[in-house]
Amino acid sequence: MNDQILLEVKGLTKQFSNGKRTHVAVNDVSFSVREGETFGLVGESGCGKTTTGRTIVGLYPPTSGEIFFEGENIADLKGAARRKLCKKMQMIYQDPVASLNPRMTVGEIVAEGLVIGGEKDKKEIVRRVEETLLEVGLSAEAMGRYPHEFSGGQRQRIGIARALIMSPKLIIADEPVSALDVSVQAQVINLLGELKEKKGLTVLFIAHDLSLVKYFCDRVAVMYAGEIVEIASSRTLFENPLHEYTRALLSAIPVPDPRRARETRRLPFEEKIGETTGAGTSLKEVAKNHFVRKRS
C-alpha cells in the first residue's frame, strides 16, 4: 500500500424517486482509497453501503457529487469511456446465484468481459479463462459446465474470476461471503487476500460482519442512515471508537466464549434527530486520520 489515491469520492448523493416520494439512500458521502489498500465500508442493512458501491462502479447514476478514479472525474462517464473504465474497476456481487447467468457456461460468463472489450482471438480467450479459473481454485474443466452445477463457494469463485480476468486495479466486493456457509467464508476471504497481494489489487470491501472487517481491512468507514459517521484505521476503530453508532455496532459483535458473552453488555443507540447526522453535521478530523461526524 502507498499514499497514492486511486479512488476519491466527494459529496456523493444518490436519491431514488417513484414520482411521488423521494428516498435519499446516500447523502453527502466522502472518502478516499489508496492504491493497494483494503478499505472497508460497514453498517447495518439499509444504511446505503451497497448503493454507494454500485454508484461508484456506474450501475446507478449519482444524483450529485464527484467520483475520481486515477484523478479523473468518472461520475458522468458514458458509452465507450465507461466501457474502458470497466476494465480497471470490477465488482464482486453478494449473491453468486443471482449474479451468474444460468443459461451461460462458466467459460462464457468469465470470458464475457473480454469479448465485450473487443478480444476476438478465441484461443487467447480460452487461455486466459483457463488461467483465471486456476487462479481462483477451479479447474479448466469447469468452463463447459453451468453455474447450477457448483456449490455456493465455487459460484463465488466464478464471480471472482469474472472480475479478475479484466486485470482491474480496483475491486468492489459487495458482501462477497455473506451468502456462504461459515466454513467456506474463510476460504473465499483468504483467496481474496492472496489475489490482492499477488496482483497488487485495491479493494473496496462492503460488509456488515465487523469481525471479518477487522481481519481483512486496513481502514474502515462506518455508515449510518446513508451517511459516513466515522473513518479510521481498522486498529484505531476497534480500539477507540468515538461515534455512538460505531460503539453500538462493536458491542453487538458475537463473543465465542459463553462466559464472556454473558458479561458483555450491548450498547444502545438512540440518535436524537439531527444530533449526529443530517444538516449541520460533517466529518471532522479529531485525531490523525481519524474522522468523526459531528455537529459544526
C-alpha atoms as a PDB file:
ATOM      1  CA  MET A   1       0.000   0.000   0.000  1.00  0.00           C
ATOM      2  CA  ASN A   2       1.230   3.518  -0.786  1.00  0.00           C
ATOM      3  CA  ASP A   3      -0.088   7.054  -0.299  1.00  0.00           C
ATOM      4  CA  GLN A   4      -1.261   7.436  -3.904  1.00  0.00           C
ATOM      5  CA  ILE A   5      -5.041   7.967  -4.021  1.00  0.00           C
ATOM      6  CA  LEU A   6      -6.730   5.621  -6.512  1.00  0.00           C
ATOM      7  CA  LEU A   7     -10.389   6.364  -5.713  1.00  0.00           C
ATOM      8  CA  GLU A   8     -11.801   9.553  -4.211  1.00  0.00           C
ATOM      9  CA  VAL A   9     -15.488  10.147  -3.536  1.00  0.00           C
ATOM     10  CA  LYS A  10     -16.629  13.713  -2.813  1.00  0.00           C
ATOM     11  CA  GLY A  11     -20.092  14.671  -1.607  1.00  0.00           C
ATOM     12  CA  LEU A  12     -21.758  11.652  -3.241  1.00  0.00           C
ATOM     13  CA  THR A  13     -25.561  11.660  -3.017  1.00  0.00           C
ATOM     14  CA  LYS A  14     -27.938   9.109  -4.500  1.00  0.00           C
ATOM     15  CA  GLN A  15     -31.717   9.530  -4.430  1.00  0.00           C
ATOM     16  CA  PHE A  16     -34.437   7.217  -5.710  1.00  0.00           C
ATOM     17  CA  SER A  17     -37.839   8.561  -6.687  1.00  0.00           C
ATOM     18  CA  ASN A  18     -41.091   6.944  -7.827  1.00  0.00           C
ATOM     19  CA  GLY A  19     -42.658  10.242  -8.808  1.00  0.00           C
ATOM     20  CA  LYS A  20     -44.445  10.720  -5.502  1.00  0.00           C
ATOM     21  CA  ARG A  21     -41.747  10.091  -2.922  1.00  0.00           C
ATOM     22  CA  THR A  22     -38.011  10.555  -2.910  1.00  0.00           C
ATOM     23  CA  HIS A  23     -35.737   8.366  -0.827  1.00  0.00           C
ATOM     24  CA  VAL A  24     -32.211   9.543  -0.052  1.00  0.00           C
ATOM     25  CA  ALA A  25     -30.163   6.338   0.019  1.00  0.00           C
ATOM     26  CA  VAL A  26     -26.737   8.001   0.153  1.00  0.00           C
ATOM     27  CA  ASN A  27     -26.207  11.521   1.451  1.00  0.00           C
ATOM     28  CA  ASP A  28     -23.036  13.614   1.075  1.00  0.00           C
ATOM     29  CA  VAL A  29     -20.603  10.686   1.325  1.00  0.00           C
ATOM     30  CA  SER A  30     -16.878  11.425   1.022  1.00  0.00           C
ATOM     31  CA  PHE A  31     -13.851   9.148   1.395  1.00  0.00           C
ATOM     32  CA  SER A  32     -10.684   8.128  -0.437  1.00  0.00           C
ATOM     33  CA  VAL A  33      -8.994   4.793  -1.081  1.00  0.00           C
ATOM     34  CA  ARG A  34      -5.236   4.463  -1.547  1.00  0.00           C
ATOM     35  CA  GLU A  35      -3.571   2.180  -4.063  1.00  0.00           C
ATOM     36  CA  GLY A  36      -3.096  -1.328  -2.655  1.00  0.00           C
ATOM     37  CA  GLU A  37      -5.404  -0.657   0.290  1.00  0.00           C
ATOM     38  CA  THR A  38      -8.359  -2.697   1.505  1.00  0.00           C
ATOM     39  CA  PHE A  39     -10.943  -0.117   2.551  1.00  0.00           C
ATOM     40  CA  GLY A  40     -13.957  -1.396   4.489  1.00  0.00           C
ATOM     41  CA  LEU A  41     -17.435   0.125   4.237  1.00  0.00           C
ATOM     42  CA  VAL A  42     -19.619  -1.204   7.052  1.00  0.00           C
ATOM     43  CA  GLY A  43     -23.039  -0.675   8.563  1.00  0.00           C
ATOM     44  CA  GLU A  44     -26.368  -2.366   9.126  1.00  0.00           C
ATOM     45  CA  SER A  45     -28.666  -3.449   6.285  1.00  0.00           C
ATOM     46  CA  GLY A  46     -30.231  -0.484   4.510  1.00  0.00           C
ATOM     47  CA  CYS A  47     -27.571   2.042   5.523  1.00  0.00           C
ATOM     48  CA  GLY A  48     -26.570   2.743   1.910  1.00  0.00           C
ATOM     49  CA  LYS A  49     -23.254   0.920   1.606  1.00  0.00           C
ATOM     50  CA  THR A  50     -24.256  -1.265  -1.369  1.00  0.00           C
ATOM     51  CA  THR A  51     -25.820   1.725  -3.131  1.00  0.00           C
ATOM     52  CA  THR A  52     -22.550   3.583  -2.639  1.00  0.00           C
ATOM     53  CA  GLY A  53     -20.588   0.755  -4.248  1.00  0.00           C
ATOM     54  CA  ARG A  54     -22.991   0.410  -7.166  1.00  0.00           C
ATOM     55  CA  THR A  55     -22.959   4.147  -7.791  1.00  0.00           C
ATOM     56  CA  ILE A  56     -19.163   4.218  -7.835  1.00  0.00           C
ATOM     57  CA  VAL A  57     -18.989   1.410 -10.385  1.00  0.00           C
ATOM     58  CA  GLY A  58     -21.645   3.058 -12.561  1.00  0.00           C
ATOM     59  CA  LEU A  59     -24.646   0.769 -12.052  1.00  0.00           C
ATOM     60  CA  TYR A  60     -26.546   3.756 -10.612  1.00  0.00           C
ATOM     61  CA  PRO A  61     -26.081   7.327 -11.851  1.00  0.00           C
ATOM     62  CA  PRO A  62     -25.210   9.661  -8.971  1.00  0.00           C
ATOM     63  CA  THR A  63     -27.733  12.358  -8.064  1.00  0.00           C
ATOM     64  CA  SER A  64     -24.880  14.695  -7.172  1.00  0.00           C
ATOM     65  CA  GLY A  65     -21.254  14.601  -6.121  1.00  0.00           C
ATOM     66  CA  GLU A  66     -17.971  13.636  -7.722  1.00  0.00           C
ATOM     67  CA  ILE A  67     -16.170  10.297  -8.123  1.00  0.00           C
ATOM     68  CA  PHE A  68     -12.489  10.465  -9.055  1.00  0.00           C
ATOM     69  CA  PHE A  69     -10.595   7.407 -10.287  1.00  0.00           C
ATOM     70  CA  GLU A  70      -6.906   7.888 -11.022  1.00  0.00           C
ATOM     71  CA  GLY A  71      -7.551  11.615 -10.810  1.00  0.00           C
ATOM     72  CA  GLU A  72     -10.348  11.664 -13.416  1.00  0.00           C
ATOM     73  CA  ASN A  73     -13.960  12.512 -12.563  1.00  0.00           C
ATOM     74  CA  ILE A  74     -15.896   9.428 -13.702  1.00  0.00           C
ATOM     75  CA  ALA A  75     -19.319  10.330 -12.288  1.00  0.00           C
ATOM     76  CA  ASP A  76     -20.855  11.135 -15.673  1.00  0.00           C
ATOM     77  CA  LEU A  77     -18.905   8.790 -17.957  1.00  0.00           C
ATOM     78  CA  LYS A  78     -20.964   7.007 -20.606  1.00  0.00           C
ATOM     79  CA  GLY A  79     -20.526   4.873 -23.713  1.00  0.00           C
ATOM     80  CA  ALA A  80     -17.000   3.954 -24.794  1.00  0.00           C
ATOM     81  CA  ALA A  81     -15.411   5.879 -21.924  1.00  0.00           C
ATOM     82  CA  ARG A  82     -17.472   3.931 -19.372  1.00  0.00           C
ATOM     83  CA  ARG A  83     -16.624   0.596 -21.048  1.00  0.00           C
ATOM     84  CA  LYS A  84     -12.934   1.488 -20.956  1.00  0.00           C
ATOM     85  CA  LEU A  85     -13.207   2.254 -17.248  1.00  0.00           C
ATOM     86  CA  CYS A  86     -14.866  -1.124 -16.590  1.00  0.00           C
ATOM     87  CA  LYS A  87     -11.571  -2.820 -17.422  1.00  0.00           C
ATOM     88  CA  LYS A  88      -9.984  -1.069 -14.451  1.00  0.00           C
ATOM     89  CA  MET A  89     -12.891  -1.305 -11.984  1.00  0.00           C
ATOM     90  CA  GLN A  90     -14.810  -4.532 -11.377  1.00  0.00           C
ATOM     91  CA  MET A  91     -17.444  -5.685  -8.873  1.00  0.00           C
ATOM     92  CA  ILE A  92     -17.972  -8.943  -6.981  1.00  0.00           C
ATOM     93  CA  TYR A  93     -21.617  -9.344  -6.008  1.00  0.00           C
ATOM     94  CA  GLN A  94     -23.186 -10.571  -2.798  1.00  0.00           C
ATOM     95  CA  ASP A  95     -25.365 -13.327  -4.265  1.00  0.00           C
ATOM     96  CA  PRO A  96     -23.366 -15.658  -6.536  1.00  0.00           C
ATOM     97  CA  VAL A  97     -26.590 -17.339  -7.708  1.00  0.00           C
ATOM     98  CA  ALA A  98     -28.379 -14.190  -8.883  1.00  0.00           C
ATOM     99  CA  SER A  99     -25.258 -12.618 -10.399  1.00  0.00           C
ATOM    100  CA  LEU A 100     -24.434 -15.520 -12.757  1.00  0.00           C
ATOM    101  CA  ASN A 101     -26.480 -16.110 -15.901  1.00  0.00           C
ATOM    102  CA  PRO A 102     -27.866 -19.680 -15.586  1.00  0.00           C
ATOM    103  CA  ARG A 103     -28.041 -20.053 -19.384  1.00  0.00           C
ATOM    104  CA  MET A 104     -24.345 -19.373 -19.926  1.00  0.00           C
ATOM    105  CA  THR A 105     -21.491 -21.771 -19.305  1.00  0.00           C
ATOM    106  CA  VAL A 106     -18.793 -20.792 -16.826  1.00  0.00           C
ATOM    107  CA  GLY A 107     -16.417 -20.230 -19.724  1.00  0.00           C
ATOM    108  CA  GLU A 108     -18.857 -17.818 -21.371  1.00  0.00           C
ATOM    109  CA  ILE A 109     -19.514 -15.983 -18.087  1.00  0.00           C
ATOM    110  CA  VAL A 110     -15.843 -15.456 -17.264  1.00  0.00           C
ATOM    111  CA  ALA A 111     -14.960 -14.532 -20.871  1.00  0.00           C
ATOM    112  CA  GLU A 112     -17.836 -12.069 -21.317  1.00  0.00           C
ATOM    113  CA  GLY A 113     -15.809  -9.032 -20.264  1.00  0.00           C
ATOM    114  CA  LEU A 114     -13.015  -9.885 -22.692  1.00  0.00           C
ATOM    115  CA  VAL A 115     -15.480 -10.311 -25.568  1.00  0.00           C
ATOM    116  CA  ILE A 116     -17.242  -7.022 -24.799  1.00  0.00           C
ATOM    117  CA  GLY A 117     -13.829  -5.387 -24.540  1.00  0.00           C
ATOM    118  CA  GLY A 118     -13.054  -6.383 -28.121  1.00  0.00           C
ATOM    119  CA  GLU A 119     -10.909  -9.516 -27.765  1.00  0.00           C
ATOM    120  CA  LYS A 120     -11.527 -11.690 -30.857  1.00  0.00           C
ATOM    121  CA  ASP A 121      -8.790 -14.324 -30.644  1.00  0.00           C
ATOM    122  CA  LYS A 122     -10.684 -17.396 -29.429  1.00  0.00           C
ATOM    123  CA  LYS A 123      -7.516 -19.258 -28.427  1.00  0.00           C
ATOM    124  CA  GLU A 124      -6.377 -16.284 -26.342  1.00  0.00           C
ATOM    125  CA  ILE A 125      -9.806 -16.057 -24.676  1.00  0.00           C
ATOM    126  CA  VAL A 126      -9.740 -19.762 -23.772  1.00  0.00           C
ATOM    127  CA  ARG A 127      -6.179 -19.472 -22.463  1.00  0.00           C
ATOM    128  CA  ARG A 128      -6.994 -16.523 -20.234  1.00  0.00           C
ATOM    129  CA  VAL A 129     -10.214 -18.075 -18.939  1.00  0.00           C
ATOM    130  CA  GLU A 130      -8.433 -21.319 -18.033  1.00  0.00           C
ATOM    131  CA  GLU A 131      -5.604 -19.383 -16.367  1.00  0.00           C
ATOM    132  CA  THR A 132      -8.027 -17.266 -14.335  1.00  0.00           C
ATOM    133  CA  LEU A 133     -10.116 -20.247 -13.226  1.00  0.00           C
ATOM    134  CA  LEU A 134      -6.962 -21.950 -11.948  1.00  0.00           C
ATOM    135  CA  GLU A 135      -6.032 -18.784 -10.039  1.00  0.00           C
ATOM    136  CA  VAL A 136      -9.332 -18.876  -8.117  1.00  0.00           C
ATOM    137  CA  GLY A 137      -9.065 -22.584  -7.327  1.00  0.00           C
ATOM    138  CA  LEU A 138     -11.221 -24.080 -10.106  1.00  0.00           C
ATOM    139  CA  SER A 139     -10.172 -26.460 -12.868  1.00  0.00           C
ATOM    140  CA  ALA A 140     -10.227 -25.718 -16.595  1.00  0.00           C
ATOM    141  CA  GLU A 141     -12.883 -28.439 -16.888  1.00  0.00           C
ATOM    142  CA  ALA A 142     -15.340 -26.028 -15.254  1.00  0.00           C
ATOM    143  CA  MET A 143     -15.505 -23.980 -18.460  1.00  0.00           C
ATOM    144  CA  GLY A 144     -18.097 -26.225 -20.068  1.00  0.00           C
ATOM    145  CA  ARG A 145     -20.384 -26.503 -17.041  1.00  0.00           C
ATOM    146  CA  TYR A 146     -23.231 -24.300 -15.815  1.00  0.00           C
ATOM    147  CA  PRO A 147     -23.497 -22.309 -12.541  1.00  0.00           C
ATOM    148  CA  HIS A 148     -26.148 -24.605 -11.002  1.00  0.00           C
ATOM    149  CA  GLU A 149     -23.649 -27.474 -11.072  1.00  0.00           C
ATOM    150  CA  PHE A 150     -21.445 -25.769  -8.480  1.00  0.00           C
ATOM    151  CA  SER A 151     -21.635 -25.126  -4.748  1.00  0.00           C
ATOM    152  CA  GLY A 152     -22.131 -21.618  -3.329  1.00  0.00           C
ATOM    153  CA  GLY A 153     -18.430 -21.180  -2.625  1.00  0.00           C
ATOM    154  CA  GLN A 154     -17.489 -22.354  -6.113  1.00  0.00           C
ATOM    155  CA  ARG A 155     -20.022 -19.989  -7.683  1.00  0.00           C
ATOM    156  CA  GLN A 156     -18.481 -17.097  -5.799  1.00  0.00           C
ATOM    157  CA  ARG A 157     -15.077 -18.152  -7.128  1.00  0.00           C
ATOM    158  CA  ILE A 158     -16.585 -17.925 -10.621  1.00  0.00           C
ATOM    159  CA  GLY A 159     -17.744 -14.390  -9.795  1.00  0.00           C
ATOM    160  CA  ILE A 160     -14.241 -13.519  -8.617  1.00  0.00           C
ATOM    161  CA  ALA A 161     -12.764 -14.973 -11.816  1.00  0.00           C
ATOM    162  CA  ARG A 162     -15.170 -12.888 -13.917  1.00  0.00           C
ATOM    163  CA  ALA A 163     -13.886  -9.736 -12.203  1.00  0.00           C
ATOM    164  CA  LEU A 164     -10.254 -10.807 -12.168  1.00  0.00           C
ATOM    165  CA  ILE A 165      -9.929 -11.641 -15.881  1.00  0.00           C
ATOM    166  CA  MET A 166     -10.201  -7.948 -16.763  1.00  0.00           C
ATOM    167  CA  SER A 167      -6.972  -7.238 -14.813  1.00  0.00           C
ATOM    168  CA  PRO A 168      -8.633  -4.442 -12.810  1.00  0.00           C
ATOM    169  CA  LYS A 169      -6.923  -2.022 -10.454  1.00  0.00           C
ATOM    170  CA  LEU A 170      -9.940  -1.738  -8.141  1.00  0.00           C
ATOM    171  CA  ILE A 171     -12.278  -4.483  -6.940  1.00  0.00           C
ATOM    172  CA  ILE A 172     -15.547  -3.502  -5.251  1.00  0.00           C
ATOM    173  CA  ALA A 173     -16.540  -6.544  -3.203  1.00  0.00           C
ATOM    174  CA  ASP A 174     -20.167  -6.231  -2.079  1.00  0.00           C
ATOM    175  CA  GLU A 175     -20.555  -8.575   0.908  1.00  0.00           C
ATOM    176  CA  PRO A 176     -18.850 -11.355  -1.097  1.00  0.00           C
ATOM    177  CA  VAL A 177     -19.135 -14.013   1.628  1.00  0.00           C
ATOM    178  CA  SER A 178     -22.389 -13.179   3.437  1.00  0.00           C
ATOM    179  CA  ALA A 179     -24.378 -15.734   1.388  1.00  0.00           C
ATOM    180  CA  LEU A 180     -21.875 -18.536   2.090  1.00  0.00           C
ATOM    181  CA  ASP A 181     -21.507 -21.080   4.879  1.00  0.00           C
ATOM    182  CA  VAL A 182     -19.137 -20.003   7.652  1.00  0.00           C
ATOM    183  CA  SER A 183     -16.689 -22.790   6.772  1.00  0.00           C
ATOM    184  CA  VAL A 184     -16.483 -21.518   3.179  1.00  0.00           C
ATOM    185  CA  GLN A 185     -16.276 -17.825   4.077  1.00  0.00           C
ATOM    186  CA  ALA A 186     -12.701 -18.158   5.367  1.00  0.00           C
ATOM    187  CA  GLN A 187     -11.603 -19.899   2.166  1.00  0.00           C
ATOM    188  CA  VAL A 188     -13.004 -17.128  -0.050  1.00  0.00           C
ATOM    189  CA  ILE A 189     -11.591 -14.340   2.140  1.00  0.00           C
ATOM    190  CA  ASN A 190      -8.156 -15.991   2.143  1.00  0.00           C
ATOM    191  CA  LEU A 191      -8.388 -16.304  -1.654  1.00  0.00           C
ATOM    192  CA  LEU A 192      -9.207 -12.596  -1.983  1.00  0.00           C
ATOM    193  CA  GLY A 193      -6.269 -11.760   0.274  1.00  0.00           C
ATOM    194  CA  GLU A 194      -3.872 -13.893  -1.774  1.00  0.00           C
ATOM    195  CA  LEU A 195      -5.076 -12.423  -5.069  1.00  0.00           C
ATOM    196  CA  LYS A 196      -4.815  -8.895  -3.668  1.00  0.00           C
ATOM    197  CA  GLU A 197      -1.171  -9.404  -2.710  1.00  0.00           C
ATOM    198  CA  LYS A 198      -0.272 -11.283  -5.900  1.00  0.00           C
ATOM    199  CA  LYS A 199      -1.832  -8.789  -8.302  1.00  0.00           C
ATOM    200  CA  GLY A 200      -1.489  -5.579  -6.298  1.00  0.00           C
ATOM    201  CA  LEU A 201      -5.232  -5.007  -6.183  1.00  0.00           C
ATOM    202  CA  THR A 202      -7.054  -2.247  -4.344  1.00  0.00           C
ATOM    203  CA  VAL A 203     -10.262  -3.450  -2.652  1.00  0.00           C
ATOM    204  CA  LEU A 204     -13.364  -1.589  -1.503  1.00  0.00           C
ATOM    205  CA  PHE A 205     -14.828  -4.190   0.846  1.00  0.00           C
ATOM    206  CA  ILE A 206     -18.514  -3.755   1.699  1.00  0.00           C
ATOM    207  CA  ALA A 207     -19.677  -5.793   4.689  1.00  0.00           C
ATOM    208  CA  HIS A 208     -21.714  -5.921   7.870  1.00  0.00           C
ATOM    209  CA  ASP A 209     -19.577  -8.573   9.602  1.00  0.00           C
ATOM    210  CA  LEU A 210     -17.287  -6.468  11.779  1.00  0.00           C
ATOM    211  CA  SER A 211     -15.098  -9.409  12.823  1.00  0.00           C
ATOM    212  CA  LEU A 212     -14.334 -10.021   9.166  1.00  0.00           C
ATOM    213  CA  VAL A 213     -13.641  -6.348   8.531  1.00  0.00           C
ATOM    214  CA  LYS A 214     -11.218  -6.209  11.453  1.00  0.00           C
ATOM    215  CA  TYR A 215      -9.251  -9.117   9.996  1.00  0.00           C
ATOM    216  CA  PHE A 216      -9.306  -8.075   6.328  1.00  0.00           C
ATOM    217  CA  CYS A 217      -9.346  -4.264   6.086  1.00  0.00           C
ATOM    218  CA  ASP A 218      -6.658  -1.609   6.519  1.00  0.00           C
ATOM    219  CA  ARG A 219      -9.101   1.280   7.076  1.00  0.00           C
ATOM    220  CA  VAL A 220     -12.825   1.334   7.780  1.00  0.00           C
ATOM    221  CA  ALA A 221     -15.697   3.759   7.178  1.00  0.00           C
ATOM    222  CA  VAL A 222     -18.876   3.262   9.207  1.00  0.00           C
ATOM    223  CA  MET A 223     -22.199   4.180   7.549  1.00  0.00           C
ATOM    224  CA  TYR A 224     -25.477   5.048   9.246  1.00  0.00           C
ATOM    225  CA  ALA A 225     -28.660   6.275   7.535  1.00  0.00           C
ATOM    226  CA  GLY A 226     -26.885   6.959   4.254  1.00  0.00           C
ATOM    227  CA  GLU A 227     -24.002   8.918   5.789  1.00  0.00           C
ATOM    228  CA  ILE A 228     -20.490   8.079   6.916  1.00  0.00           C
ATOM    229  CA  VAL A 229     -20.214   8.709  10.640  1.00  0.00           C
ATOM    230  CA  GLU A 230     -16.639   7.578  11.316  1.00  0.00           C
ATOM    231  CA  ILE A 231     -13.452   6.746   9.367  1.00  0.00           C
ATOM    232  CA  ALA A 232     -10.279   5.367  10.919  1.00  0.00           C
ATOM    233  CA  SER A 233      -7.688   2.642  10.572  1.00  0.00           C
ATOM    234  CA  SER A 234      -9.060  -0.778  11.450  1.00  0.00           C
ATOM    235  CA  ARG A 235      -6.975  -0.963  14.612  1.00  0.00           C
ATOM    236  CA  THR A 236      -7.948   2.528  15.788  1.00  0.00           C
ATOM    237  CA  LEU A 237     -11.634   1.997  15.084  1.00  0.00           C
ATOM    238  CA  PHE A 238     -11.816  -1.206  17.106  1.00  0.00           C
ATOM    239  CA  GLU A 239      -9.651   0.051  19.968  1.00  0.00           C
ATOM    240  CA  ASN A 240     -11.037   3.581  20.207  1.00  0.00           C
ATOM    241  CA  PRO A 241     -14.462   4.016  18.555  1.00  0.00           C
ATOM    242  CA  LEU A 242     -15.717   7.586  19.046  1.00  0.00           C
ATOM    243  CA  HIS A 243     -19.129   7.781  17.393  1.00  0.00           C
ATOM    244  CA  GLU A 244     -22.026   6.367  19.427  1.00  0.00           C
ATOM    245  CA  TYR A 245     -23.261   4.295  16.495  1.00  0.00           C
ATOM    246  CA  THR A 246     -19.818   2.729  15.991  1.00  0.00           C
ATOM    247  CA  ARG A 247     -19.687   1.805  19.665  1.00  0.00           C
ATOM    248  CA  ALA A 248     -23.132   0.228  19.447  1.00  0.00           C
ATOM    249  CA  LEU A 249     -22.100  -1.811  16.380  1.00  0.00           C
ATOM    250  CA  LEU A 250     -18.924  -3.062  18.026  1.00  0.00           C
ATOM    251  CA  SER A 251     -20.766  -4.039  21.204  1.00  0.00           C
ATOM    252  CA  ALA A 252     -23.023  -6.293  19.111  1.00  0.00           C
ATOM    253  CA  ILE A 253     -20.175  -8.465  17.790  1.00  0.00           C
ATOM    254  CA  PRO A 254     -20.802 -12.064  18.960  1.00  0.00           C
ATOM    255  CA  VAL A 255     -18.327 -13.377  21.532  1.00  0.00           C
ATOM    256  CA  PRO A 256     -17.348 -17.063  21.046  1.00  0.00           C
ATOM    257  CA  ASP A 257     -16.813 -17.613  24.781  1.00  0.00           C
ATOM    258  CA  PRO A 258     -20.173 -18.237  26.599  1.00  0.00           C
ATOM    259  CA  ARG A 259     -18.848 -16.871  29.886  1.00  0.00           C
ATOM    260  CA  ARG A 260     -17.576 -13.671  28.320  1.00  0.00           C
ATOM    261  CA  ALA A 261     -20.758 -13.385  26.268  1.00  0.00           C
ATOM    262  CA  ARG A 262     -22.858 -13.296  29.449  1.00  0.00           C
ATOM    263  CA  GLU A 263     -20.688 -10.484  30.795  1.00  0.00           C
ATOM    264  CA  THR A 264     -20.788  -8.471  27.555  1.00  0.00           C
ATOM    265  CA  ARG A 265     -23.228  -5.584  27.507  1.00  0.00           C
ATOM    266  CA  ARG A 266     -24.687  -4.362  24.233  1.00  0.00           C
ATOM    267  CA  LEU A 267     -24.736  -0.599  23.979  1.00  0.00           C
ATOM    268  CA  PRO A 268     -27.994   1.014  22.813  1.00  0.00           C
ATOM    269  CA  PHE A 269     -28.016   3.607  20.070  1.00  0.00           C
ATOM    270  CA  GLU A 270     -30.867   6.073  20.131  1.00  0.00           C
ATOM    271  CA  GLU A 271     -29.943   9.010  17.982  1.00  0.00           C
ATOM    272  CA  LYS A 272     -31.714  12.267  18.640  1.00  0.00           C
ATOM    273  CA  ILE A 273     -32.815  13.519  15.218  1.00  0.00           C
ATOM    274  CA  GLY A 274     -30.100  15.634  13.627  1.00  0.00           C
ATOM    275  CA  GLU A 275     -27.682  15.244  16.529  1.00  0.00           C
ATOM    276  CA  THR A 276     -25.038  13.152  14.759  1.00  0.00           C
ATOM    277  CA  THR A 277     -26.252  13.046  11.141  1.00  0.00           C
ATOM    278  CA  GLY A 278     -28.085  15.258   8.666  1.00  0.00           C
ATOM    279  CA  ALA A 279     -27.959  19.009   8.097  1.00  0.00           C
ATOM    280  CA  GLY A 280     -25.348  20.886  10.068  1.00  0.00           C
ATOM    281  CA  THR A 281     -23.117  17.875  10.688  1.00  0.00           C
ATOM    282  CA  SER A 282     -19.864  16.976   8.957  1.00  0.00           C
ATOM    283  CA  LEU A 283     -16.836  14.698   9.270  1.00  0.00           C
ATOM    284  CA  LYS A 284     -14.145  16.259  11.424  1.00  0.00           C
ATOM    285  CA  GLU A 285     -10.604  15.012  11.989  1.00  0.00           C
ATOM    286  CA  VAL A 286     -10.403  14.519  15.762  1.00  0.00           C
ATOM    287  CA  ALA A 287      -7.034  12.736  15.637  1.00  0.00           C
ATOM    288  CA  LYS A 288      -4.568  11.945  12.846  1.00  0.00           C
ATOM    289  CA  ASN A 289      -6.538  10.138  10.081  1.00  0.00           C
ATOM    290  CA  HIS A 290      -9.472   9.573  12.457  1.00  0.00           C
ATOM    291  CA  PHE A 291     -12.660  11.298  11.305  1.00  0.00           C
ATOM    292  CA  VAL A 292     -15.985  11.505  13.152  1.00  0.00           C
ATOM    293  CA  ARG A 293     -19.255  13.091  12.075  1.00  0.00           C
ATOM    294  CA  LYS A 294     -20.463  15.729  14.497  1.00  0.00           C
ATOM    295  CA  ARG A 295     -22.343  18.975  14.570  1.00  0.00           C
ATOM    296  CA  SER A 296     -20.468  22.002  13.261  1.00  0.00           C
END
